[in-house]
N, C-alpha and C. Protein backbone atom coordinates (compact mmCIF):
# COMPACT_ATOMS: atom_id res chain seq x y z
N MET A 1 -48.27 -182.17 -12.25
CA MET A 1 -48.81 -183.00 -13.31
C MET A 1 -50.30 -182.70 -13.44
N SER A 2 -50.77 -182.68 -14.66
CA SER A 2 -52.17 -182.38 -14.94
C SER A 2 -52.80 -183.52 -15.72
N ILE A 3 -54.10 -183.73 -15.49
CA ILE A 3 -54.81 -184.74 -16.26
C ILE A 3 -55.31 -184.18 -17.58
N TRP A 4 -55.20 -182.87 -17.77
CA TRP A 4 -55.71 -182.22 -18.96
C TRP A 4 -54.63 -182.06 -20.01
N ALA A 5 -54.97 -182.27 -21.25
CA ALA A 5 -54.04 -182.03 -22.36
C ALA A 5 -54.06 -180.54 -22.73
N SER A 6 -55.19 -179.89 -22.53
CA SER A 6 -55.32 -178.48 -22.88
C SER A 6 -55.05 -177.61 -21.65
N ASP A 7 -54.87 -176.32 -21.90
CA ASP A 7 -54.54 -175.42 -20.80
C ASP A 7 -55.57 -174.32 -20.59
N ASN A 8 -56.81 -174.53 -21.09
CA ASN A 8 -57.86 -173.54 -20.87
C ASN A 8 -59.19 -174.23 -20.61
N ARG A 9 -60.14 -173.49 -20.08
CA ARG A 9 -61.42 -174.08 -19.70
C ARG A 9 -62.18 -174.67 -20.89
N ASN A 10 -62.15 -173.97 -22.02
CA ASN A 10 -62.84 -174.47 -23.20
C ASN A 10 -62.28 -175.84 -23.60
N GLY A 11 -60.99 -175.96 -23.56
CA GLY A 11 -60.36 -177.24 -23.88
C GLY A 11 -60.68 -178.32 -22.87
N HIS A 12 -60.77 -177.95 -21.60
CA HIS A 12 -61.13 -178.91 -20.56
C HIS A 12 -62.54 -179.43 -20.78
N VAL A 13 -63.46 -178.53 -21.12
CA VAL A 13 -64.84 -178.94 -21.37
C VAL A 13 -64.89 -179.86 -22.58
N ARG A 14 -64.16 -179.53 -23.62
CA ARG A 14 -64.10 -180.37 -24.82
C ARG A 14 -63.56 -181.77 -24.47
N GLU A 15 -62.51 -181.84 -23.66
CA GLU A 15 -61.95 -183.12 -23.25
C GLU A 15 -62.95 -183.92 -22.41
N ALA A 16 -63.66 -183.25 -21.51
CA ALA A 16 -64.65 -183.93 -20.68
C ALA A 16 -65.78 -184.50 -21.53
N LEU A 17 -66.25 -183.72 -22.51
CA LEU A 17 -67.31 -184.22 -23.40
C LEU A 17 -66.80 -185.36 -24.27
N THR A 18 -65.55 -185.31 -24.67
CA THR A 18 -64.96 -186.40 -25.46
C THR A 18 -64.92 -187.68 -24.63
N LEU A 19 -64.57 -187.56 -23.35
CA LEU A 19 -64.59 -188.72 -22.45
C LEU A 19 -65.99 -189.30 -22.35
N LEU A 20 -66.99 -188.43 -22.14
CA LEU A 20 -68.37 -188.90 -22.03
C LEU A 20 -68.83 -189.56 -23.32
N LEU A 21 -68.42 -189.03 -24.45
CA LEU A 21 -68.76 -189.62 -25.74
C LEU A 21 -68.11 -191.00 -25.88
N SER A 22 -66.85 -191.11 -25.52
CA SER A 22 -66.15 -192.40 -25.66
C SER A 22 -66.72 -193.47 -24.74
N GLN A 23 -67.34 -193.07 -23.64
CA GLN A 23 -67.93 -194.02 -22.70
C GLN A 23 -69.41 -194.29 -22.99
N GLY A 24 -69.96 -193.65 -24.03
CA GLY A 24 -71.35 -193.87 -24.40
C GLY A 24 -72.36 -193.13 -23.53
N VAL A 25 -71.90 -192.17 -22.76
CA VAL A 25 -72.80 -191.41 -21.89
C VAL A 25 -73.61 -190.41 -22.71
N ILE A 26 -72.98 -189.79 -23.69
CA ILE A 26 -73.68 -188.89 -24.62
C ILE A 26 -73.55 -189.47 -26.02
N ASP A 27 -74.43 -189.05 -26.91
CA ASP A 27 -74.43 -189.58 -28.27
C ASP A 27 -73.49 -188.81 -29.19
N ASP A 28 -73.34 -187.51 -28.97
CA ASP A 28 -72.46 -186.69 -29.80
C ASP A 28 -72.41 -185.29 -29.20
N PHE A 29 -71.48 -184.48 -29.69
CA PHE A 29 -71.46 -183.07 -29.33
C PHE A 29 -70.80 -182.28 -30.44
N ARG A 30 -71.20 -181.03 -30.52
CA ARG A 30 -70.63 -180.09 -31.48
C ARG A 30 -70.32 -178.80 -30.75
N ILE A 31 -69.30 -178.10 -31.22
CA ILE A 31 -68.96 -176.80 -30.66
C ILE A 31 -69.00 -175.78 -31.77
N ARG A 32 -69.82 -174.76 -31.58
CA ARG A 32 -69.95 -173.66 -32.54
C ARG A 32 -69.51 -172.38 -31.84
N PRO A 33 -68.24 -172.00 -31.97
CA PRO A 33 -67.68 -170.90 -31.18
C PRO A 33 -68.42 -169.57 -31.28
N ASP A 34 -69.03 -169.28 -32.41
CA ASP A 34 -69.68 -167.98 -32.60
C ASP A 34 -71.14 -167.96 -32.14
N ASP A 35 -71.64 -169.07 -31.63
CA ASP A 35 -73.03 -169.17 -31.21
C ASP A 35 -73.20 -168.70 -29.77
N GLU A 36 -74.41 -168.25 -29.44
CA GLU A 36 -74.71 -167.84 -28.06
C GLU A 36 -74.58 -169.03 -27.11
N PHE A 37 -74.98 -170.21 -27.57
CA PHE A 37 -74.84 -171.46 -26.82
C PHE A 37 -73.95 -172.38 -27.65
N PRO A 38 -72.63 -172.24 -27.53
CA PRO A 38 -71.71 -172.91 -28.44
C PRO A 38 -71.62 -174.42 -28.28
N PHE A 39 -71.95 -174.95 -27.13
CA PHE A 39 -71.85 -176.40 -26.92
C PHE A 39 -73.20 -177.04 -27.18
N ARG A 40 -73.24 -177.95 -28.13
CA ARG A 40 -74.46 -178.68 -28.47
C ARG A 40 -74.22 -180.14 -28.14
N VAL A 41 -74.89 -180.63 -27.09
CA VAL A 41 -74.69 -182.00 -26.64
C VAL A 41 -75.91 -182.82 -27.02
N GLN A 42 -75.67 -183.92 -27.72
CA GLN A 42 -76.76 -184.79 -28.13
C GLN A 42 -76.89 -185.94 -27.15
N VAL A 43 -78.07 -186.03 -26.54
CA VAL A 43 -78.41 -187.12 -25.63
C VAL A 43 -79.66 -187.80 -26.18
N ALA A 44 -80.14 -188.83 -25.50
CA ALA A 44 -81.30 -189.57 -25.99
C ALA A 44 -82.53 -188.68 -26.18
N ALA A 45 -82.67 -187.65 -25.36
CA ALA A 45 -83.84 -186.76 -25.43
C ALA A 45 -83.75 -185.75 -26.57
N GLY A 46 -82.56 -185.56 -27.14
CA GLY A 46 -82.38 -184.60 -28.23
C GLY A 46 -81.08 -183.83 -28.07
N ILE A 47 -81.00 -182.70 -28.74
CA ILE A 47 -79.80 -181.86 -28.69
C ILE A 47 -80.03 -180.75 -27.67
N VAL A 48 -79.08 -180.61 -26.76
CA VAL A 48 -79.19 -179.62 -25.69
C VAL A 48 -78.13 -178.54 -25.92
N PRO A 49 -78.55 -177.30 -26.24
CA PRO A 49 -77.58 -176.22 -26.40
C PRO A 49 -77.16 -175.68 -25.03
N MET A 50 -75.85 -175.43 -24.86
CA MET A 50 -75.34 -174.97 -23.57
C MET A 50 -74.23 -173.95 -23.75
N THR A 51 -74.06 -173.13 -22.72
CA THR A 51 -72.89 -172.26 -22.66
C THR A 51 -71.72 -173.11 -22.16
N GLU A 52 -70.52 -172.52 -22.17
CA GLU A 52 -69.35 -173.25 -21.67
C GLU A 52 -69.54 -173.61 -20.19
N HIS A 53 -70.06 -172.67 -19.41
CA HIS A 53 -70.29 -172.90 -17.98
C HIS A 53 -71.29 -174.04 -17.76
N GLN A 54 -72.39 -174.03 -18.50
CA GLN A 54 -73.40 -175.07 -18.38
C GLN A 54 -72.84 -176.43 -18.81
N ALA A 55 -72.06 -176.43 -19.88
CA ALA A 55 -71.48 -177.69 -20.37
C ALA A 55 -70.50 -178.27 -19.36
N ALA A 56 -69.73 -177.41 -18.67
CA ALA A 56 -68.80 -177.89 -17.65
C ALA A 56 -69.56 -178.56 -16.50
N HIS A 57 -70.65 -177.94 -16.07
CA HIS A 57 -71.45 -178.52 -14.99
C HIS A 57 -72.16 -179.79 -15.45
N PHE A 58 -72.62 -179.80 -16.68
CA PHE A 58 -73.25 -181.00 -17.24
C PHE A 58 -72.25 -182.15 -17.25
N ALA A 59 -71.03 -181.89 -17.71
CA ALA A 59 -70.00 -182.93 -17.78
C ALA A 59 -69.69 -183.48 -16.39
N LEU A 60 -69.59 -182.61 -15.41
CA LEU A 60 -69.32 -183.06 -14.04
C LEU A 60 -70.45 -183.95 -13.53
N GLY A 61 -71.68 -183.50 -13.72
CA GLY A 61 -72.83 -184.28 -13.26
C GLY A 61 -72.97 -185.61 -13.98
N ALA A 62 -72.75 -185.60 -15.29
CA ALA A 62 -72.86 -186.84 -16.07
C ALA A 62 -71.77 -187.83 -15.67
N ALA A 63 -70.56 -187.34 -15.44
CA ALA A 63 -69.48 -188.23 -15.02
C ALA A 63 -69.75 -188.80 -13.63
N ALA A 64 -70.24 -187.97 -12.73
CA ALA A 64 -70.55 -188.46 -11.38
C ALA A 64 -71.67 -189.49 -11.42
N ALA A 65 -72.68 -189.25 -12.23
CA ALA A 65 -73.79 -190.20 -12.34
C ALA A 65 -73.34 -191.51 -12.98
N HIS A 66 -72.49 -191.42 -13.99
CA HIS A 66 -72.07 -192.61 -14.72
C HIS A 66 -71.04 -193.43 -13.95
N PHE A 67 -70.06 -192.76 -13.35
CA PHE A 67 -68.96 -193.46 -12.71
C PHE A 67 -69.08 -193.50 -11.19
N GLY A 68 -70.04 -192.82 -10.60
CA GLY A 68 -70.16 -192.73 -9.15
C GLY A 68 -70.34 -194.06 -8.47
N ASP A 69 -71.21 -194.91 -9.01
CA ASP A 69 -71.46 -196.21 -8.39
C ASP A 69 -70.20 -197.07 -8.42
N LEU A 70 -69.47 -197.01 -9.51
CA LEU A 70 -68.22 -197.74 -9.64
C LEU A 70 -67.21 -197.26 -8.60
N ALA A 71 -67.15 -195.97 -8.37
CA ALA A 71 -66.21 -195.43 -7.40
C ALA A 71 -66.60 -195.78 -5.96
N ARG A 72 -67.90 -195.85 -5.69
CA ARG A 72 -68.36 -196.15 -4.34
C ARG A 72 -68.26 -197.63 -4.00
N ASN A 73 -68.49 -198.50 -4.95
CA ASN A 73 -68.48 -199.95 -4.73
C ASN A 73 -67.11 -200.52 -5.06
N THR A 74 -66.24 -200.45 -4.09
CA THR A 74 -64.87 -200.93 -4.31
C THR A 74 -64.73 -202.42 -4.02
N GLY A 75 -65.77 -203.06 -3.54
CA GLY A 75 -65.71 -204.47 -3.24
C GLY A 75 -65.34 -204.76 -1.80
N GLU A 76 -65.06 -203.73 -1.03
CA GLU A 76 -64.73 -203.93 0.37
C GLU A 76 -65.99 -203.97 1.21
N ALA A 77 -65.99 -204.80 2.23
CA ALA A 77 -67.17 -204.92 3.09
C ALA A 77 -67.05 -204.06 4.32
């Protein structure tokens, strides 16, 4: 069983950015396949152009930062 709807890395990155967008972590994103930096992620500081590799690492870091405290604080003493 997989948590991904897509079967390739580009699709996984798109799904991860969609999750971050739905949770309010990022403001928006665009994908321009023919561009040198196809992933354009809009955050409070502006638009950040990224490669697929950079966007994957960004998504991982943003998810860890956003959801990490929730995962660590389970309410157990």
